[in-house]
């Protein structure tokens, strides 16, 4: 390998690492539990990363998670637009109950 090839390899690795950083507009979560890996989830993740890079999508975050508990449909992923930050939950009380805090 020459210096130019090493620089290209470094740039490609940095782009793939940037896909895993948070704060993006869209999120793709790939199930990489034991049954998912056995069913080919690594190939799905590699293809997903390659396609995102090929199309120049910089607003997509790729995350990895464990088992979803759905072994019969593994090699699955979820994609979604992250929700806006929610306000903290307020305790609800039954009618006639006083605040216990």
Protein backbone atom coordinates (compact mmCIF):
# COMPACT_ATOMS: atom_id res chain seq x y z
CA UNK A 1 0.00 0.00 0.00
CA UNK A 2 1.21 3.45 -0.82
CA UNK A 3 0.43 6.67 1.01
CA UNK A 4 -2.45 7.61 -1.31
CA UNK A 5 -4.19 4.26 -0.75
CA UNK A 6 -3.82 4.65 3.02
CA UNK A 7 -5.37 8.13 2.86
CA UNK A 8 -8.33 6.78 0.85
CA UNK A 9 -8.79 3.94 3.33
CA UNK A 10 -8.70 6.42 6.23
CA UNK A 11 -11.31 8.66 4.57
CA UNK A 12 -13.63 5.72 3.93
CA UNK A 13 -13.30 4.54 7.55
CA UNK A 14 -13.99 8.05 8.86
CA UNK A 15 -17.15 8.31 6.70
CA UNK A 16 -18.43 4.97 8.02
CA UNK A 17 -17.70 6.00 11.62
CA UNK A 18 -19.60 9.27 11.03
CA UNK A 19 -22.67 7.20 10.02
CA UNK A 20 -22.77 5.81 13.56
CA UNK A 21 -22.76 9.18 15.30
CA UNK A 22 -26.00 10.52 16.76
CA UNK A 23 -27.92 13.69 16.02
CA UNK A 24 -28.88 12.81 12.44
CA UNK A 25 -32.31 13.33 10.86
CA UNK A 26 -32.98 9.60 10.29
CA UNK A 27 -31.96 6.46 12.19
CA UNK A 28 -31.60 2.87 10.96
CA UNK A 29 -31.32 0.21 13.69
CA UNK A 30 -30.07 -3.21 12.61
CA UNK A 31 -30.67 -6.27 14.79
CA UNK A 32 -27.29 -7.99 15.22
CA UNK A 33 -28.09 -10.65 17.80
CA UNK A 34 -26.90 -14.24 17.40
CA UNK A 35 -29.81 -15.32 15.22
CA UNK A 36 -29.61 -12.11 13.18
CA UNK A 37 -25.92 -12.61 12.45
CA UNK A 38 -26.59 -16.24 11.55
CA UNK A 39 -29.34 -15.08 9.16
CA UNK A 40 -27.03 -12.59 7.42
CA UNK A 41 -27.39 -9.31 9.32
CA UNK A 42 -23.73 -8.42 8.72
CA UNK A 43 -24.33 -8.44 4.97
CA UNK A 44 -27.44 -6.30 5.46
CA UNK A 45 -25.45 -3.78 7.50
CA UNK A 46 -22.59 -3.70 4.99
CA UNK A 47 -25.02 -3.18 2.12
CA UNK A 48 -26.87 -0.47 4.05
CA UNK A 49 -23.62 1.40 4.79
CA UNK A 50 -22.46 1.06 1.18
CA UNK A 51 -25.76 2.37 -0.21
CA UNK A 52 -25.83 5.31 2.20
CA UNK A 53 -22.29 6.19 1.17
CA UNK A 54 -23.00 5.66 -2.54
CA UNK A 55 -25.96 8.05 -2.45
CA UNK A 56 -24.15 10.59 -0.28
CA UNK A 57 -26.73 10.58 2.51
CA UNK A 58 -25.24 12.47 5.43
CA UNK A 59 -28.41 12.77 7.53
CA UNK A 60 -28.73 9.02 8.28
CA UNK A 61 -27.44 7.38 11.45
CA UNK A 62 -26.85 3.62 11.54
CA UNK A 63 -27.08 1.83 14.89
CA UNK A 64 -26.68 -1.80 15.92
CA UNK A 65 -28.78 -3.56 18.56
CA UNK A 66 -29.07 -7.07 19.95
CA UNK A 67 -31.89 -9.57 19.61
CA UNK A 68 -35.42 -8.27 19.07
CA UNK A 69 -36.85 -11.56 20.29
CA UNK A 70 -38.20 -12.33 16.84
CA UNK A 71 -35.87 -15.13 15.77
CA UNK A 72 -38.24 -16.39 13.08
CA UNK A 73 -38.01 -13.09 11.17
CA UNK A 74 -34.42 -12.14 11.97
CA UNK A 75 -32.15 -10.27 9.67
CA UNK A 76 -34.35 -7.31 10.39
CA UNK A 77 -33.87 -3.58 10.76
CA UNK A 78 -35.97 -0.58 11.73
CA UNK A 79 -35.77 2.84 10.16
CA UNK A 80 -37.37 5.93 11.59
CA UNK A 81 -37.14 9.62 12.02
CA UNK A 82 -36.14 10.24 15.65
CA UNK A 83 -38.85 11.88 17.72
CA UNK A 84 -38.42 15.36 19.09
CA UNK A 85 -37.28 15.55 22.68
CA UNK A 86 -40.23 14.84 24.92
CA UNK A 87 -40.98 16.82 28.06
CA UNK A 88 -40.43 14.96 31.34
CA UNK A 89 -43.34 12.83 32.51
CA UNK A 90 -45.54 14.21 35.25
CA UNK A 91 -47.00 11.88 37.87
CA UNK A 92 -50.71 11.18 37.50
CA UNK A 93 -52.91 10.63 40.50
CA UNK A 94 -56.20 8.88 40.88
CA UNK A 95 -59.22 10.92 41.70
CA UNK A 96 -59.22 11.87 45.36
CA UNK A 97 -55.59 10.74 45.98
CA UNK A 98 -53.13 13.13 47.48
CA UNK A 99 -49.62 13.61 46.19
CA UNK A 100 -47.43 10.91 47.75
CA UNK A 101 -44.14 12.65 47.00
